[in-house]
Protein backbone atom coordinates (compact mmCIF):
# COMPACT_ATOMS: atom_id res chain seq x y z
CA MET A 1 -30.35 23.01 -11.34
CA HIS A 2 -27.03 24.16 -9.93
CA TYR A 3 -24.68 21.90 -7.99
CA GLN A 4 -21.95 23.24 -5.80
CA THR A 5 -18.76 21.24 -6.16
CA THR A 6 -16.60 20.70 -3.12
CA PRO A 7 -13.33 18.84 -2.98
CA SER A 8 -13.75 15.15 -2.25
CA TRP A 9 -11.82 13.31 0.46
CA GLY A 10 -9.76 11.63 -2.29
CA CYS A 11 -8.75 15.04 -3.59
CA TYR A 12 -7.74 16.13 -0.09
CA MET A 13 -5.69 12.96 0.40
CA ALA A 14 -3.94 13.43 -2.93
CA THR A 15 -3.07 17.01 -2.00
CA THR A 16 -1.78 15.93 1.41
CA ALA A 17 0.30 13.12 -0.14
CA ALA A 18 1.78 15.57 -2.65
CA LEU A 19 3.08 17.72 0.22
CA GLU A 20 4.46 14.80 2.22
CA ASP A 21 8.23 14.42 2.54
CA PRO A 22 9.46 11.37 0.53
CA VAL A 23 11.03 9.71 3.60
CA GLU A 24 7.85 10.25 5.62
CA ARG A 25 5.81 8.79 2.76
CA ILE A 26 8.08 5.73 2.58
CA GLU A 27 7.79 5.23 6.35
CA ARG A 28 4.01 5.60 6.23
CA LEU A 29 3.60 3.18 3.33
CA ALA A 30 6.03 0.71 4.92
CA ALA A 31 4.00 0.70 8.15
CA GLU A 32 0.65 0.06 6.44
CA ASN A 33 1.27 -3.63 5.68
CA ALA A 34 3.25 -6.57 7.06
CA VAL A 35 5.58 -6.82 4.04
CA VAL A 36 6.20 -3.87 1.74
CA ILE A 37 8.47 -3.91 -1.30
CA PHE A 38 9.53 -0.78 -3.15
CA SER A 39 10.22 -1.88 -6.70
CA ILE A 40 10.56 -0.87 -10.32
CA SER A 41 8.33 -2.89 -12.63
CA THR A 42 11.08 -3.70 -15.16
CA CYS A 43 13.77 -4.65 -12.60
CA CYS A 44 14.76 -8.34 -12.66
CA MET A 45 16.00 -8.27 -9.03
CA CYS A 46 12.68 -6.77 -7.96
CA HIS A 47 10.86 -9.56 -9.78
CA ALA A 48 13.06 -12.14 -8.04
CA ILE A 49 12.37 -10.73 -4.57
CA LYS A 50 8.62 -10.62 -5.24
CA ARG A 51 8.75 -14.27 -6.39
CA LEU A 52 10.70 -15.23 -3.26
CA PHE A 53 8.02 -13.85 -0.95
CA CYS A 54 5.12 -15.19 -3.02
CA GLY A 55 6.83 -18.60 -3.12
CA MET A 56 6.95 -18.56 0.68
CA GLY A 57 3.20 -17.88 0.86
CA VAL A 58 3.62 -14.20 1.72
CA ASN A 59 1.50 -11.62 -0.07
CA PRO A 60 3.66 -8.47 -0.10
CA THR A 61 2.37 -5.00 -0.86
CA VAL A 62 4.40 -3.73 -3.80
CA HIS A 63 4.92 -0.06 -4.63
CA GLU A 64 6.20 0.27 -8.20
CA LEU A 65 8.19 3.50 -8.16
CA ASP A 66 8.16 3.85 -11.96
CA GLU A 67 4.35 3.94 -11.85
CA ASP A 68 4.17 6.57 -9.08
CA PRO A 69 4.27 10.28 -9.99
CA ARG A 70 6.62 10.87 -7.03
CA GLY A 71 8.55 7.65 -7.53
CA GLY A 72 11.78 9.44 -8.48
CA GLU A 73 11.80 11.36 -5.19
CA MET A 74 11.05 8.16 -3.27
CA GLU A 75 13.84 6.33 -5.10
CA LYS A 76 16.35 9.02 -4.08
CA ALA A 77 15.11 8.85 -0.48
CA LEU A 78 15.50 5.05 -0.48
CA MET A 79 19.08 5.38 -1.77
CA THR A 80 19.78 7.78 1.11
CA LEU A 81 18.21 5.39 3.66
CA LEU A 82 20.26 2.47 2.32
CA GLY A 83 23.43 4.43 1.69
CA THR A 84 23.74 2.89 -1.78
CA SER A 85 23.50 3.95 -5.39
CA SER A 86 20.86 1.34 -6.17
CA ALA A 87 17.47 1.87 -4.56
CA VAL A 88 15.45 -1.18 -5.50
CA PRO A 89 14.26 -3.61 -4.43
CA VAL A 90 13.87 -2.42 -0.86
CA VAL A 91 11.96 -4.54 1.65
CA PHE A 92 10.26 -3.50 4.89
CA ILE A 93 8.86 -6.15 7.23
CA GLY A 94 6.66 -5.11 10.11
CA GLY A 95 7.36 -1.48 9.25
CA LYS A 96 11.11 -1.96 9.73
CA LEU A 97 13.69 -1.63 7.00
CA VAL A 98 15.22 -5.03 6.17
CA GLY A 99 17.17 -3.74 3.19
CA ALA A 100 17.88 -4.54 -0.41
CA MET A 101 18.18 -7.90 -2.16
CA ASP A 102 21.48 -8.84 -0.49
CA ARG A 103 20.13 -8.37 3.04
CA VAL A 104 16.89 -10.19 2.31
CA MET A 105 18.73 -13.15 0.76
CA ALA A 106 21.24 -13.25 3.65
CA SER A 107 18.33 -13.32 6.11
CA HIS A 108 16.63 -16.06 4.11
CA ILE A 109 19.78 -18.21 3.96
CA SER A 110 20.60 -17.71 7.65
CA GLY A 111 17.06 -18.63 8.68
CA THR A 112 16.14 -15.27 10.21
CA LEU A 113 13.66 -14.22 7.49
CA VAL A 114 10.85 -16.61 8.46
CA PRO A 115 10.78 -15.48 12.13
CA LEU A 116 10.64 -11.84 10.96
CA LEU A 117 7.70 -12.68 8.71
CA LYS A 118 5.91 -14.58 11.49
CA ASP A 119 6.44 -11.72 13.97
CA ALA A 120 4.98 -9.27 11.44
CA GLY A 121 1.94 -11.49 10.86
CA ALA A 122 2.83 -12.14 7.22
CA LEU A 123 3.41 -15.87 7.62
CA TRP A 124 1.57 -18.34 9.81
CA LEU A 125 3.32 -21.65 9.12
């Protein structure tokens, strides 16, 4: 018996993702969920920001750049978007760039973080 092999949808998606511009990929991933964090698994500041959101009852989607084959390209693109030399952690809420740790903490302290989370549908209380 002979089976003809054709590319699966997953294979097509992987090929498409491989051709995608890093900034476009970041924007697409950031828009897929209410809260998206771009992180590096060994980064202590990334761990702290993830704990902050989880402690607030938010379940962020986390993209670990060191575990992604194109993570290096995405990290460079994030540095360009932020205009800094440090790319992580970077937080998007409701598909919009909030920023790095300093911006997130400033929003939290000033009381503007919770309304952003509510507007994005990430927090109901």
